[in-house]
């Protein structure tokens, strides 16, 4: 039997980049929109826009409602290497022309893995 060649050797090596496992054409730049909180008087502070490079956006399964509704929820997942901390209240803007373009909200608590982040998203 001939040996099988893989594009990426040693997936199980700690600290490897999850993003580099995919072709460059899958990568996209996104903007994280983080709320600024409130001042001492309770007034909202301006939100921050944080640009992030080399993220991967991918679709998740779409669930059809079972409660006689015509609305289908769209969900996605964002993958990114370590080095940035996502928060449950973050919103993600994917530019027009990129894969999964649009405005997304973080769905639940983002998962931090040794190789990077897995952030569940829901369309807004």
PDB file of N, CA and C in Angstrom:
ATOM      1  N   UNK A   1       0.843  -1.167   0.000  1.00  0.00           N
ATOM      2  CA  UNK A   1       0.000   0.000   0.000  1.00  0.00           C
ATOM      3  C   UNK A   1       0.894   1.236   0.000  1.00  0.00           C
ATOM      4  N   UNK A   2       0.575   2.192  -0.846  1.00  0.00           N
ATOM      5  CA  UNK A   2       1.385   3.404  -0.933  1.00  0.00           C
ATOM      6  C   UNK A   2       1.015   4.371   0.186  1.00  0.00           C
ATOM      7  N   UNK A   3       1.974   5.157   0.662  1.00  0.00           N
ATOM      8  CA  UNK A   3       1.684   6.120   1.725  1.00  0.00           C
ATOM      9  C   UNK A   3       0.765   7.232   1.221  1.00  0.00           C
ATOM     10  N   UNK A   4      -0.023   7.769   2.126  1.00  0.00           N
ATOM     11  CA  UNK A   4      -0.941   8.857   1.804  1.00  0.00           C
ATOM     12  C   UNK A   4      -0.269  10.175   2.156  1.00  0.00           C
ATOM     13  N   UNK A   5      -0.274  11.108   1.229  1.00  0.00           N
ATOM     14  CA  UNK A   5       0.327  12.422   1.474  1.00  0.00           C
ATOM     15  C   UNK A   5      -0.767  13.421   1.836  1.00  0.00           C
ATOM     16  N   UNK A   6      -0.556  14.165   2.881  1.00  0.00           N
ATOM     17  CA  UNK A   6      -1.493  15.194   3.306  1.00  0.00           C
ATOM     18  C   UNK A   6      -0.860  16.563   3.113  1.00  0.00           C
ATOM     19  N   UNK A   7      -1.695  17.540   2.852  1.00  0.00           N
ATOM     20  CA  UNK A   7      -1.189  18.896   2.643  1.00  0.00           C
ATOM     21  C   UNK A   7      -0.596  19.460   3.928  1.00  0.00           C
ATOM     22  N   UNK A   8      -1.131  19.051   5.066  1.00  0.00           N
ATOM     23  CA  UNK A   8      -0.671  19.592   6.342  1.00  0.00           C
ATOM     24  C   UNK A   8      -0.275  18.435   7.240  1.00  0.00           C
ATOM     25  N   UNK A   9       0.978  18.302   7.491  1.00  0.00           N
ATOM     26  CA  UNK A   9       1.479  17.226   8.332  1.00  0.00           C
ATOM     27  C   UNK A   9       1.242  17.564   9.805  1.00  0.00           C
ATOM     28  N   UNK A  10       1.188  16.559  10.634  1.00  0.00           N
ATOM     29  CA  UNK A  10       1.129  16.662  12.092  1.00  0.00           C
ATOM     30  C   UNK A  10       0.071  17.640  12.598  1.00  0.00           C
ATOM     31  N   UNK A  11      -1.188  17.284  12.427  1.00  0.00           N
ATOM     32  CA  UNK A  11      -2.284  18.106  12.950  1.00  0.00           C
ATOM     33  C   UNK A  11      -2.275  18.186  14.469  1.00  0.00           C
ATOM     34  N   UNK A  12      -1.744  17.194  15.134  1.00  0.00           N
ATOM     35  CA  UNK A  12      -1.848  17.123  16.578  1.00  0.00           C
ATOM     36  C   UNK A  12      -0.712  17.826  17.317  1.00  0.00           C
ATOM     37  N   UNK A  13       0.134  18.552  16.641  1.00  0.00           N
ATOM     38  CA  UNK A  13       1.222  19.265  17.296  1.00  0.00           C
ATOM     39  C   UNK A  13       0.648  20.497  18.001  1.00  0.00           C
ATOM     40  N   UNK A  14       0.859  20.642  19.327  1.00  0.00           N
ATOM     41  CA  UNK A  14       0.309  21.786  20.055  1.00  0.00           C
ATOM     42  C   UNK A  14       0.826  23.110  19.492  1.00  0.00           C
ATOM     43  N   UNK A  15      -0.036  24.099  19.531  1.00  0.00           N
ATOM     44  CA  UNK A  15       0.342  25.433  19.111  1.00  0.00           C
ATOM     45  C   UNK A  15       0.310  25.653  17.611  1.00  0.00           C
ATOM     46  N   UNK A  16      -0.140  24.679  16.842  1.00  0.00           N
ATOM     47  CA  UNK A  16      -0.243  24.867  15.399  1.00  0.00           C
ATOM     48  C   UNK A  16      -1.395  25.819  15.101  1.00  0.00           C
ATOM     49  N   UNK A  17      -1.296  26.488  13.991  1.00  0.00           N
ATOM     50  CA  UNK A  17      -2.310  27.449  13.586  1.00  0.00           C
ATOM     51  C   UNK A  17      -3.496  26.742  12.947  1.00  0.00           C
ATOM     52  N   UNK A  18      -4.689  27.016  13.452  1.00  0.00           N
ATOM     53  CA  UNK A  18      -5.889  26.442  12.840  1.00  0.00           C
ATOM     54  C   UNK A  18      -6.172  27.104  11.496  1.00  0.00           C
ATOM     55  N   UNK A  19      -5.871  28.382  11.377  1.00  0.00           N
ATOM     56  CA  UNK A  19      -6.151  29.122  10.139  1.00  0.00           C
ATOM     57  C   UNK A  19      -5.237  28.655   9.004  1.00  0.00           C
ATOM     58  N   UNK A  20      -3.990  28.377   9.304  1.00  0.00           N
ATOM     59  CA  UNK A  20      -3.039  27.973   8.267  1.00  0.00           C
ATOM     60  C   UNK A  20      -3.326  26.583   7.709  1.00  0.00           C
ATOM     61  N   UNK A  21      -4.242  25.858   8.322  1.00  0.00           N
ATOM     62  CA  UNK A  21      -4.619  24.542   7.822  1.00  0.00           C
ATOM     63  C   UNK A  21      -5.531  24.629   6.595  1.00  0.00           C
ATOM     64  N   UNK A  22      -6.038  25.829   6.326  1.00  0.00           N
ATOM     65  CA  UNK A  22      -6.959  26.029   5.214  1.00  0.00           C
ATOM     66  C   UNK A  22      -6.285  26.846   4.126  1.00  0.00           C
ATOM     67  N   UNK A  23      -6.771  26.737   2.898  1.00  0.00           N
ATOM     68  CA  UNK A  23      -6.200  27.550   1.816  1.00  0.00           C
ATOM     69  C   UNK A  23      -6.357  29.046   2.099  1.00  0.00           C
ATOM     70  N   UNK A  24      -5.440  29.842   1.574  1.00  0.00           N
ATOM     71  CA  UNK A  24      -5.496  31.291   1.789  1.00  0.00           C
ATOM     72  C   UNK A  24      -6.794  31.897   1.268  1.00  0.00           C
ATOM     73  N   UNK A  25      -7.391  31.275   0.271  1.00  0.00           N
ATOM     74  CA  UNK A  25      -8.635  31.800  -0.291  1.00  0.00           C
ATOM     75  C   UNK A  25      -9.787  31.732   0.712  1.00  0.00           C
ATOM     76  N   UNK A  26      -9.668  30.931   1.753  1.00  0.00           N
ATOM     77  CA  UNK A  26     -10.709  30.840   2.779  1.00  0.00           C
ATOM     78  C   UNK A  26     -10.618  31.969   3.800  1.00  0.00           C
ATOM     79  N   UNK A  27      -9.468  32.600   3.889  1.00  0.00           N
ATOM     80  CA  UNK A  27      -9.250  33.619   4.924  1.00  0.00           C
ATOM     81  C   UNK A  27      -9.928  34.934   4.559  1.00  0.00           C
ATOM     82  N   UNK A  28     -10.385  35.620   5.583  1.00  0.00           N
ATOM     83  CA  UNK A  28     -11.008  36.922   5.373  1.00  0.00           C
ATOM     84  C   UNK A  28     -10.695  37.821   6.567  1.00  0.00           C
ATOM     85  N   UNK A  29     -10.742  39.112   6.332  1.00  0.00           N
ATOM     86  CA  UNK A  29     -10.580  40.091   7.404  1.00  0.00           C
ATOM     87  C   UNK A  29     -11.961  40.484   7.896  1.00  0.00           C
ATOM     88  N   UNK A  30     -12.114  40.627   9.195  1.00  0.00           N
ATOM     89  CA  UNK A  30     -13.390  41.015   9.777  1.00  0.00           C
ATOM     90  C   UNK A  30     -13.173  42.193  10.717  1.00  0.00           C
ATOM     91  N   UNK A  31     -14.271  42.805  11.127  1.00  0.00           N
ATOM     92  CA  UNK A  31     -14.221  43.872  12.120  1.00  0.00           C
ATOM     93  C   UNK A  31     -15.060  43.442  13.313  1.00  0.00           C
ATOM     94  N   UNK A  32     -14.460  43.458  14.488  1.00  0.00           N
ATOM     95  CA  UNK A  32     -15.177  43.157  15.730  1.00  0.00           C
ATOM     96  C   UNK A  32     -15.698  44.479  16.281  1.00  0.00           C
ATOM     97  N   UNK A  33     -16.994  44.533  16.522  1.00  0.00           N
ATOM     98  CA  UNK A  33     -17.613  45.736  17.096  1.00  0.00           C
ATOM     99  C   UNK A  33     -17.938  45.412  18.544  1.00  0.00           C
ATOM    100  N   UNK A  34     -17.265  46.130  19.432  1.00  0.00           N
ATOM    101  CA  UNK A  34     -17.385  45.882  20.866  1.00  0.00           C
ATOM    102  C   UNK A  34     -17.995  47.102  21.533  1.00  0.00           C
ATOM    103  N   UNK A  35     -19.070  46.887  22.269  1.00  0.00           N
ATOM    104  CA  UNK A  35     -19.746  47.975  22.961  1.00  0.00           C
ATOM    105  C   UNK A  35     -18.837  48.665  23.952  1.00  0.00           C
ATOM    106  N   UNK A  36     -19.007  49.966  24.090  1.00  0.00           N
ATOM    107  CA  UNK A  36     -18.145  50.744  24.966  1.00  0.00           C
ATOM    108  C   UNK A  36     -18.603  50.813  26.402  1.00  0.00           C
ATOM    109  N   UNK A  37     -19.736  50.182  26.720  1.00  0.00           N
ATOM    110  CA  UNK A  37     -20.241  50.225  28.086  1.00  0.00           C
ATOM    111  C   UNK A  37     -21.004  51.521  28.357  1.00  0.00           C
ATOM    112  N   UNK A  38     -21.011  51.921  29.601  1.00  0.00           N
ATOM    113  CA  UNK A  38     -21.741  53.131  30.003  1.00  0.00           C
ATOM    114  C   UNK A  38     -20.864  53.981  30.916  1.00  0.00           C
ATOM    115  N   UNK A  39     -21.100  55.288  30.859  1.00  0.00           N
ATOM    116  CA  UNK A  39     -20.344  56.185  31.741  1.00  0.00           C
ATOM    117  C   UNK A  39     -20.988  56.219  33.122  1.00  0.00           C
ATOM    118  N   UNK A  40     -20.461  57.079  34.006  1.00  0.00           N
ATOM    119  CA  UNK A  40     -20.936  57.152  35.385  1.00  0.00           C
ATOM    120  C   UNK A  40     -22.402  57.573  35.483  1.00  0.00           C
ATOM    121  N   UNK A  41     -22.907  58.272  34.470  1.00  0.00           N
ATOM    122  CA  UNK A  41     -24.301  58.719  34.472  1.00  0.00           C
ATOM    123  C   UNK A  41     -25.231  57.746  33.749  1.00  0.00           C
ATOM    124  N   UNK A  42     -24.681  56.652  33.249  1.00  0.00           N
ATOM    125  CA  UNK A  42     -25.500  55.653  32.574  1.00  0.00           C
ATOM    126  C   UNK A  42     -25.658  55.876  31.084  1.00  0.00           C
ATOM    127  N   UNK A  43     -24.966  56.859  30.546  1.00  0.00           N
ATOM    128  CA  UNK A  43     -25.045  57.113  29.111  1.00  0.00           C
ATOM    129  C   UNK A  43     -24.157  56.125  28.355  1.00  0.00           C
ATOM    130  N   UNK A  44     -24.628  55.647  27.197  1.00  0.00           N
ATOM    131  CA  UNK A  44     -23.800  54.699  26.445  1.00  0.00           C
ATOM    132  C   UNK A  44     -22.545  55.362  25.891  1.00  0.00           C
ATOM    133  N   UNK A  45     -21.439  54.634  25.972  1.00  0.00           N
ATOM    134  CA  UNK A  45     -20.177  55.102  25.409  1.00  0.00           C
ATOM    135  C   UNK A  45     -20.056  54.568  23.983  1.00  0.00           C
ATOM    136  N   UNK A  46     -19.281  55.237  23.142  1.00  0.00           N
ATOM    137  CA  UNK A  46     -19.148  54.757  21.763  1.00  0.00           C
ATOM    138  C   UNK A  46     -18.506  53.370  21.717  1.00  0.00           C
ATOM    139  N   UNK A  47     -18.920  52.609  20.735  1.00  0.00           N
ATOM    140  CA  UNK A  47     -18.358  51.265  20.584  1.00  0.00           C
ATOM    141  C   UNK A  47     -17.012  51.338  19.870  1.00  0.00           C
ATOM    142  N   UNK A  48     -16.220  50.288  20.037  1.00  0.00           N
ATOM    143  CA  UNK A  48     -14.905  50.184  19.395  1.00  0.00           C
ATOM    144  C   UNK A  48     -15.037  49.296  18.170  1.00  0.00           C
ATOM    145  N   UNK A  49     -14.313  49.623  17.126  1.00  0.00           N
ATOM    146  CA  UNK A  49     -14.239  48.773  15.948  1.00  0.00           C
ATOM    147  C   UNK A  49     -12.807  48.252  15.855  1.00  0.00           C
ATOM    148  N   UNK A  50     -12.656  46.949  16.004  1.00  0.00           N
ATOM    149  CA  UNK A  50     -11.338  46.323  16.058  1.00  0.00           C
ATOM    150  C   UNK A  50     -11.156  45.459  14.808  1.00  0.00           C
ATOM    151  N   UNK A  51     -10.252  45.850  13.907  1.00  0.00           N
ATOM    152  CA  UNK A  51     -10.038  45.033  12.707  1.00  0.00           C
ATOM    153  C   UNK A  51      -9.213  43.782  13.029  1.00  0.00           C
ATOM    154  N   UNK A  52      -9.630  42.650  12.465  1.00  0.00           N
ATOM    155  CA  UNK A  52      -8.898  41.394  12.639  1.00  0.00           C
ATOM    156  C   UNK A  52      -8.610  40.791  11.275  1.00  0.00           C
ATOM    157  N   UNK A  53      -7.381  40.348  11.090  1.00  0.00           N
ATOM    158  CA  UNK A  53      -6.975  39.725   9.825  1.00  0.00           C
ATOM    159  C   UNK A  53      -6.950  38.206   9.980  1.00  0.00           C
ATOM    160  N   UNK A  54      -7.020  37.540   8.847  1.00  0.00           N
ATOM    161  CA  UNK A  54      -6.856  36.083   8.782  1.00  0.00           C
ATOM    162  C   UNK A  54      -7.825  35.309   9.661  1.00  0.00           C
ATOM    163  N   UNK A  55      -9.101  35.524   9.433  1.00  0.00           N
ATOM    164  CA  UNK A  55     -10.146  34.734  10.085  1.00  0.00           C
ATOM    165  C   UNK A  55     -10.762  33.817   9.042  1.00  0.00           C
ATOM    166  N   UNK A  56     -11.413  32.786   9.495  1.00  0.00           N
ATOM    167  CA  UNK A  56     -12.134  31.897   8.595  1.00  0.00           C
ATOM    168  C   UNK A  56     -13.602  31.889   9.016  1.00  0.00           C
ATOM    169  N   UNK A  57     -14.470  32.167   8.066  1.00  0.00           N
ATOM    170  CA  UNK A  57     -15.916  32.114   8.284  1.00  0.00           C
ATOM    171  C   UNK A  57     -16.446  30.866   7.594  1.00  0.00           C
ATOM    172  N   UNK A  58     -17.291  30.131   8.309  1.00  0.00           N
ATOM    173  CA  UNK A  58     -17.867  28.922   7.730  1.00  0.00           C
ATOM    174  C   UNK A  58     -19.316  28.799   8.171  1.00  0.00           C
ATOM    175  N   UNK A  59     -20.156  28.207   7.337  1.00  0.00           N
ATOM    176  CA  UNK A  59     -21.555  28.033   7.730  1.00  0.00           C
ATOM    177  C   UNK A  59     -21.718  26.913   8.735  1.00  0.00           C
ATOM    178  N   UNK A  60     -22.741  27.033   9.534  1.00  0.00           N
ATOM    179  CA  UNK A  60     -23.171  25.942  10.409  1.00  0.00           C
ATOM    180  C   UNK A  60     -24.496  25.431   9.859  1.00  0.00           C
ATOM    181  N   UNK A  61     -24.989  24.404  10.421  1.00  0.00           N
ATOM    182  CA  UNK A  61     -26.264  23.860   9.968  1.00  0.00           C
ATOM    183  C   UNK A  61     -27.374  24.880  10.202  1.00  0.00           C
ATOM    184  N   UNK A  62     -28.264  25.000   9.247  1.00  0.00           N
ATOM    185  CA  UNK A  62     -29.419  25.875   9.383  1.00  0.00           C
ATOM    186  C   UNK A  62     -30.560  25.058   9.956  1.00  0.00           C
ATOM    187  N   UNK A  63     -31.217  25.600  10.970  1.00  0.00           N
ATOM    188  CA  UNK A  63     -32.315  24.860  11.581  1.00  0.00           C
ATOM    189  C   UNK A  63     -33.646  25.455  11.144  1.00  0.00           C
ATOM    190  N   UNK A  64     -34.514  24.601  10.687  1.00  0.00           N
ATOM    191  CA  UNK A  64     -35.861  25.041  10.340  1.00  0.00           C
ATOM    192  C   UNK A  64     -36.720  24.966  11.591  1.00  0.00           C
ATOM    193  N   UNK A  65     -37.518  25.980  11.820  1.00  0.00           N
ATOM    194  CA  UNK A  65     -38.326  25.994  13.036  1.00  0.00           C
ATOM    195  C   UNK A  65     -39.416  24.923  12.999  1.00  0.00           C
ATOM    196  N   UNK A  66     -39.783  24.479  14.179  1.00  0.00           N
ATOM    197  CA  UNK A  66     -40.849  23.488  14.285  1.00  0.00           C
ATOM    198  C   UNK A  66     -42.086  24.077  14.936  1.00  0.00           C
ATOM    199  N   UNK A  67     -42.101  25.386  15.102  1.00  0.00           N
ATOM    200  CA  UNK A  67     -43.228  26.041  15.769  1.00  0.00           C
ATOM    201  C   UNK A  67     -44.123  26.806  14.800  1.00  0.00           C
ATOM    202  N   UNK A  68     -44.273  26.281  13.589  1.00  0.00           N
ATOM    203  CA  UNK A  68     -45.139  26.867  12.557  1.00  0.00           C
ATOM    204  C   UNK A  68     -44.701  28.269  12.140  1.00  0.00           C
ATOM    205  N   UNK A  69     -43.414  28.508  12.170  1.00  0.00           N
ATOM    206  CA  UNK A  69     -42.873  29.797  11.757  1.00  0.00           C
ATOM    207  C   UNK A  69     -42.155  29.636  10.425  1.00  0.00           C
ATOM    208  N   UNK A  70     -42.163  30.697   9.630  1.00  0.00           N
ATOM    209  CA  UNK A  70     -41.469  30.667   8.350  1.00  0.00           C
ATOM    210  C   UNK A  70     -40.044  31.196   8.448  1.00  0.00           C
ATOM    211  N   UNK A  71     -39.627  31.610   9.631  1.00  0.00           N
ATOM    212  CA  UNK A  71     -38.313  32.201   9.819  1.00  0.00           C
ATOM    213  C   UNK A  71     -37.283  31.109  10.051  1.00  0.00           C
ATOM    214  N   UNK A  72     -36.219  31.134   9.283  1.00  0.00           N
ATOM    215  CA  UNK A  72     -35.113  30.199   9.449  1.00  0.00           C
ATOM    216  C   UNK A  72     -33.927  30.964  10.011  1.00  0.00           C
ATOM    217  N   UNK A  73     -33.289  30.397  11.018  1.00  0.00           N
ATOM    218  CA  UNK A  73     -32.143  31.088  11.597  1.00  0.00           C
ATOM    219  C   UNK A  73     -30.877  30.700  10.844  1.00  0.00           C
ATOM    220  N   UNK A  74     -30.042  31.699  10.570  1.00  0.00           N
ATOM    221  CA  UNK A  74     -28.765  31.471   9.898  1.00  0.00           C
ATOM    222  C   UNK A  74     -27.656  31.565  10.932  1.00  0.00           C
ATOM    223  N   UNK A  75     -26.831  30.539  10.954  1.00  0.00           N
ATOM    224  CA  UNK A  75     -25.727  30.530  11.898  1.00  0.00           C
ATOM    225  C   UNK A  75     -24.426  30.273  11.150  1.00  0.00           C
ATOM    226  N   UNK A  76     -23.343  30.707  11.763  1.00  0.00           N
ATOM    227  CA  UNK A  76     -22.017  30.538  11.175  1.00  0.00           C
ATOM    228  C   UNK A  76     -21.027  30.331  12.311  1.00  0.00           C
ATOM    229  N   UNK A  77     -19.800  30.057  11.936  1.00  0.00           N
ATOM    230  CA  UNK A  77     -18.738  29.930  12.929  1.00  0.00           C
ATOM    231  C   UNK A  77     -17.512  30.659  12.395  1.00  0.00           C
ATOM    232  N   UNK A  78     -16.806  31.333  13.290  1.00  0.00           N
ATOM    233  CA  UNK A  78     -15.584  32.045  12.948  1.00  0.00           C
ATOM    234  C   UNK A  78     -14.430  31.324  13.637  1.00  0.00           C
ATOM    235  N   UNK A  79     -13.373  31.075  12.887  1.00  0.00           N
ATOM    236  CA  UNK A  79     -12.163  30.473  13.443  1.00  0.00           C
ATOM    237  C   UNK A  79     -11.035  31.481  13.350  1.00  0.00           C
ATOM    238  N   UNK A  80     -10.234  31.551  14.429  1.00  0.00           N
ATOM    239  CA  UNK A  80      -9.093  32.469  14.429  1.00  0.00           C
ATOM    240  C   UNK A  80      -8.013  31.917  15.329  1.00  0.00           C
ATOM    241  N   UNK A  81      -6.775  32.196  14.961  1.00  0.00           N
ATOM    242  CA  UNK A  81      -5.640  31.767  15.770  1.00  0.00           C
ATOM    243  C   UNK A  81      -5.626  32.515  17.104  1.00  0.00           C
ATOM    244  N   UNK A  82      -4.895  32.006  18.107  1.00  0.00           N
ATOM    245  CA  UNK A  82      -4.803  32.700  19.395  1.00  0.00           C
ATOM    246  C   UNK A  82      -4.221  34.110  19.229  1.00  0.00           C
ATOM    247  N   UNK A  83      -4.475  34.953  20.204  1.00  0.00           N
ATOM    248  CA  UNK A  83      -3.915  36.297  20.187  1.00  0.00           C
ATOM    249  C   UNK A  83      -4.962  37.385  20.318  1.00  0.00           C
ATOM    250  N   UNK A  84      -6.224  37.026  20.308  1.00  0.00           N
ATOM    251  CA  UNK A  84      -7.310  37.983  20.491  1.00  0.00           C
ATOM    252  C   UNK A  84      -8.392  37.285  21.297  1.00  0.00           C
ATOM    253  N   UNK A  85      -9.008  38.011  22.228  1.00  0.00           N
ATOM    254  CA  UNK A  85     -10.056  37.434  23.060  1.00  0.00           C
ATOM    255  C   UNK A  85     -11.417  37.932  22.597  1.00  0.00           C
ATOM    256  N   UNK A  86     -12.282  37.008  22.221  1.00  0.00           N
ATOM    257  CA  UNK A  86     -13.649  37.349  21.832  1.00  0.00           C
ATOM    258  C   UNK A  86     -14.531  37.353  23.070  1.00  0.00           C
ATOM    259  N   UNK A  87     -15.528  38.234  23.084  1.00  0.00           N
ATOM    260  CA  UNK A  87     -16.471  38.324  24.189  1.00  0.00           C
ATOM    261  C   UNK A  87     -17.872  37.952  23.709  1.00  0.00           C
ATOM    262  N   UNK A  88     -18.732  37.450  24.607  1.00  0.00           N
ATOM    263  CA  UNK A  88     -20.077  37.054  24.199  1.00  0.00           C
ATOM    264  C   UNK A  88     -20.927  38.196  23.632  1.00  0.00           C
ATOM    265  N   UNK A  89     -20.618  39.431  23.965  1.00  0.00           N
ATOM    266  CA  UNK A  89     -21.409  40.569  23.488  1.00  0.00           C
ATOM    267  C   UNK A  89     -20.861  41.177  22.193  1.00  0.00           C
ATOM    268  N   UNK A  90     -19.790  40.625  21.638  1.00  0.00           N
ATOM    269  CA  UNK A  90     -19.198  41.170  20.414  1.00  0.00           C
ATOM    270  C   UNK A  90     -20.117  40.958  19.210  1.00  0.00           C
ATOM    271  N   UNK A  91     -19.999  41.867  18.259  1.00  0.00           N
ATOM    272  CA  UNK A  91     -20.631  41.707  16.950  1.00  0.00           C
ATOM    273  C   UNK A  91     -19.516  41.660  15.921  1.00  0.00           C
ATOM    274  N   UNK A  92     -19.737  40.933  14.842  1.00  0.00           N
ATOM    275  CA  UNK A  92     -18.721  40.738  13.816  1.00  0.00           C
ATOM    276  C   UNK A  92     -19.268  41.245  12.484  1.00  0.00           C
ATOM    277  N   UNK A  93     -18.492  42.117  11.824  1.00  0.00           N
ATOM    278  CA  UNK A  93     -18.868  42.596  10.495  1.00  0.00           C
ATOM    279  C   UNK A  93     -17.920  41.950   9.480  1.00  0.00           C
ATOM    280  N   UNK A  94     -18.504  41.220   8.535  1.00  0.00           N
ATOM    281  CA  UNK A  94     -17.733  40.604   7.454  1.00  0.00           C
ATOM    282  C   UNK A  94     -17.988  41.447   6.215  1.00  0.00           C
ATOM    283  N   UNK A  95     -16.937  41.935   5.553  1.00  0.00           N
ATOM    284  CA  UNK A  95     -17.127  42.868   4.445  1.00  0.00           C
ATOM    285  C   UNK A  95     -17.841  42.240   3.241  1.00  0.00           C
ATOM    286  N   UNK A  96     -18.503  43.081   2.490  1.00  0.00           N
ATOM    287  CA  UNK A  96     -19.179  42.664   1.270  1.00  0.00           C
ATOM    288  C   UNK A  96     -18.148  42.067   0.318  1.00  0.00           C
ATOM    289  N   UNK A  97     -18.498  40.981  -0.319  1.00  0.00           N
ATOM    290  CA  UNK A  97     -17.589  40.310  -1.228  1.00  0.00           C
ATOM    291  C   UNK A  97     -16.817  39.178  -0.577  1.00  0.00           C
ATOM    292  N   UNK A  98     -16.823  39.126   0.739  1.00  0.00           N
ATOM    293  CA  UNK A  98     -16.142  38.049   1.459  1.00  0.00           C
ATOM    294  C   UNK A  98     -17.123  36.904   1.712  1.00  0.00           C
ATOM    295  N   UNK A  99     -16.590  35.749   2.002  1.00  0.00           N
ATOM    296  CA  UNK A  99     -17.419  34.585   2.338  1.00  0.00           C
ATOM    297  C   UNK A  99     -18.235  34.889   3.593  1.00  0.00           C
ATOM    298  N   UNK A 100     -19.531  34.625   3.566  1.00  0.00           N
ATOM    299  CA  UNK A 100     -20.452  34.830   4.692  1.00  0.00           C
ATOM    300  C   UNK A 100     -20.544  36.315   5.086  1.00  0.00           C
ATOM    301  N   UNK A 101     -20.570  37.199   4.091  1.00  0.00           N
ATOM    302  CA  UNK A 101     -20.605  38.642   4.345  1.00  0.00           C
ATOM    303  C   UNK A 101     -21.865  39.035   5.106  1.00  0.00           C
ATOM    304  N   UNK A 102     -21.728  40.069   5.918  1.00  0.00           N
ATOM    305  CA  UNK A 102     -22.864  40.595   6.667  1.00  0.00           C
ATOM    306  C   UNK A 102     -22.508  40.876   8.106  1.00  0.00           C
ATOM    307  N   UNK A 103     -23.553  41.131   8.894  1.00  0.00           N
ATOM    308  CA  UNK A 103     -23.395  41.453  10.309  1.00  0.00           C
ATOM    309  C   UNK A 103     -23.809  40.232  11.128  1.00  0.00           C
ATOM    310  N   UNK A 104     -22.975  39.854  12.075  1.00  0.00           N
ATOM    311  CA  UNK A 104     -23.202  38.677  12.903  1.00  0.00           C
ATOM    312  C   UNK A 104     -23.033  39.036  14.376  1.00  0.00           C
ATOM    313  N   UNK A 105     -23.775  38.351  15.238  1.00  0.00           N
ATOM    314  CA  UNK A 105     -23.616  38.489  16.687  1.00  0.00           C
ATOM    315  C   UNK A 105     -23.053  37.187  17.239  1.00  0.00           C
ATOM    316  N   UNK A 106     -22.208  37.310  18.242  1.00  0.00           N
ATOM    317  CA  UNK A 106     -21.665  36.118  18.887  1.00  0.00           C
ATOM    318  C   UNK A 106     -22.810  35.387  19.582  1.00  0.00           C
ATOM    319  N   UNK A 107     -22.873  34.085  19.370  1.00  0.00           N
ATOM    320  CA  UNK A 107     -23.939  33.255  19.915  1.00  0.00           C
ATOM    321  C   UNK A 107     -23.361  32.395  21.035  1.00  0.00           C
ATOM    322  N   UNK A 108     -23.608  32.791  22.266  1.00  0.00           N
ATOM    323  CA  UNK A 108     -23.082  32.044  23.406  1.00  0.00           C
ATOM    324  C   UNK A 108     -21.664  32.456  23.748  1.00  0.00           C
ATOM    325  N   UNK A 109     -21.002  31.574  24.443  1.00  0.00           N
ATOM    326  CA  UNK A 109     -19.627  31.847  24.877  1.00  0.00           C
ATOM    327  C   UNK A 109     -18.641  31.324  23.832  1.00  0.00           C
ATOM    328  N   UNK A 110     -17.743  32.180  23.344  1.00  0.00           N
ATOM    329  CA  UNK A 110     -16.743  31.728  22.372  1.00  0.00           C
ATOM    330  C   UNK A 110     -15.831  30.664  22.989  1.00  0.00           C
ATOM    331  N   UNK A 111     -15.473  29.673  22.184  1.00  0.00           N
ATOM    332  CA  UNK A 111     -14.630  28.576  22.669  1.00  0.00           C
ATOM    333  C   UNK A 111     -13.168  28.857  22.357  1.00  0.00           C
ATOM    334  N   UNK A 112     -12.343  28.815  23.380  1.00  0.00           N
ATOM    335  CA  UNK A 112     -10.905  29.006  23.207  1.00  0.00           C
ATOM    336  C   UNK A 112     -10.225  27.644  23.287  1.00  0.00           C
ATOM    337  N   UNK A 113      -9.590  27.265  22.181  1.00  0.00           N
ATOM    338  CA  UNK A 113      -8.897  25.993  22.078  1.00  0.00           C
ATOM    339  C   UNK A 113      -7.389  26.260  22.023  1.00  0.00           C
ATOM    340  N   UNK A 114      -6.560  25.250  22.244  1.00  0.00           N
ATOM    341  CA  UNK A 114      -5.109  25.472  22.169  1.00  0.00           C
ATOM    342  C   UNK A 114      -4.653  26.010  20.809  1.00  0.00           C
ATOM    343  N   UNK A 115      -5.360  25.626  19.737  1.00  0.00           N
ATOM    344  CA  UNK A 115      -4.975  26.080  18.397  1.00  0.00           C
ATOM    345  C   UNK A 115      -5.674  27.361  17.971  1.00  0.00           C
ATOM    346  N   UNK A 116      -6.575  27.899  18.789  1.00  0.00           N
ATOM    347  CA  UNK A 116      -7.259  29.128  18.405  1.00  0.00           C
ATOM    348  C   UNK A 116      -8.679  29.199  18.934  1.00  0.00           C
ATOM    349  N   UNK A 117      -9.460  30.070  18.310  1.00  0.00           N
ATOM    350  CA  UNK A 117     -10.825  30.359  18.741  1.00  0.00           C
ATOM    351  C   UNK A 117     -11.840  29.754  17.793  1.00  0.00           C
ATOM    352  N   UNK A 118     -12.969  29.322  18.368  1.00  0.00           N
ATOM    353  CA  UNK A 118     -14.146  28.912  17.611  1.00  0.00           C
ATOM    354  C   UNK A 118     -15.297  29.744  18.165  1.00  0.00           C
ATOM    355  N   UNK A 119     -15.833  30.624  17.319  1.00  0.00           N
ATOM    356  CA  UNK A 119     -16.848  31.577  17.759  1.00  0.00           C
ATOM    357  C   UNK A 119     -18.133  31.303  16.999  1.00  0.00           C
ATOM    358  N   UNK A 120     -19.157  30.857  17.720  1.00  0.00           N
ATOM    359  CA  UNK A 120     -20.465  30.655  17.114  1.00  0.00           C
ATOM    360  C   UNK A 120     -21.129  31.992  16.833  1.00  0.00           C
ATOM    361  N   UNK A 121     -21.742  32.120  15.672  1.00  0.00           N
ATOM    362  CA  UNK A 121     -22.362  33.377  15.257  1.00  0.00           C
ATOM    363  C   UNK A 121     -23.790  33.150  14.798  1.00  0.00           C
ATOM    364  N   UNK A 122     -24.620  34.166  14.955  1.00  0.00           N
ATOM    365  CA  UNK A 122     -25.976  34.163  14.435  1.00  0.00           C
ATOM    366  C   UNK A 122     -26.188  35.462  13.659  1.00  0.00           C
ATOM    367  N   UNK A 123     -26.872  35.375  12.524  1.00  0.00           N
ATOM    368  CA  UNK A 123     -27.085  36.560  11.685  1.00  0.00           C
ATOM    369  C   UNK A 123     -27.969  37.570  12.410  1.00  0.00           C
ATOM    370  N   UNK A 124     -27.644  38.847  12.228  1.00  0.00           N
ATOM    371  CA  UNK A 124     -28.463  39.914  12.826  1.00  0.00           C
ATOM    372  C   UNK A 124     -29.176  40.688  11.756  1.00  0.00           C
TER     373      UNK A 124
END
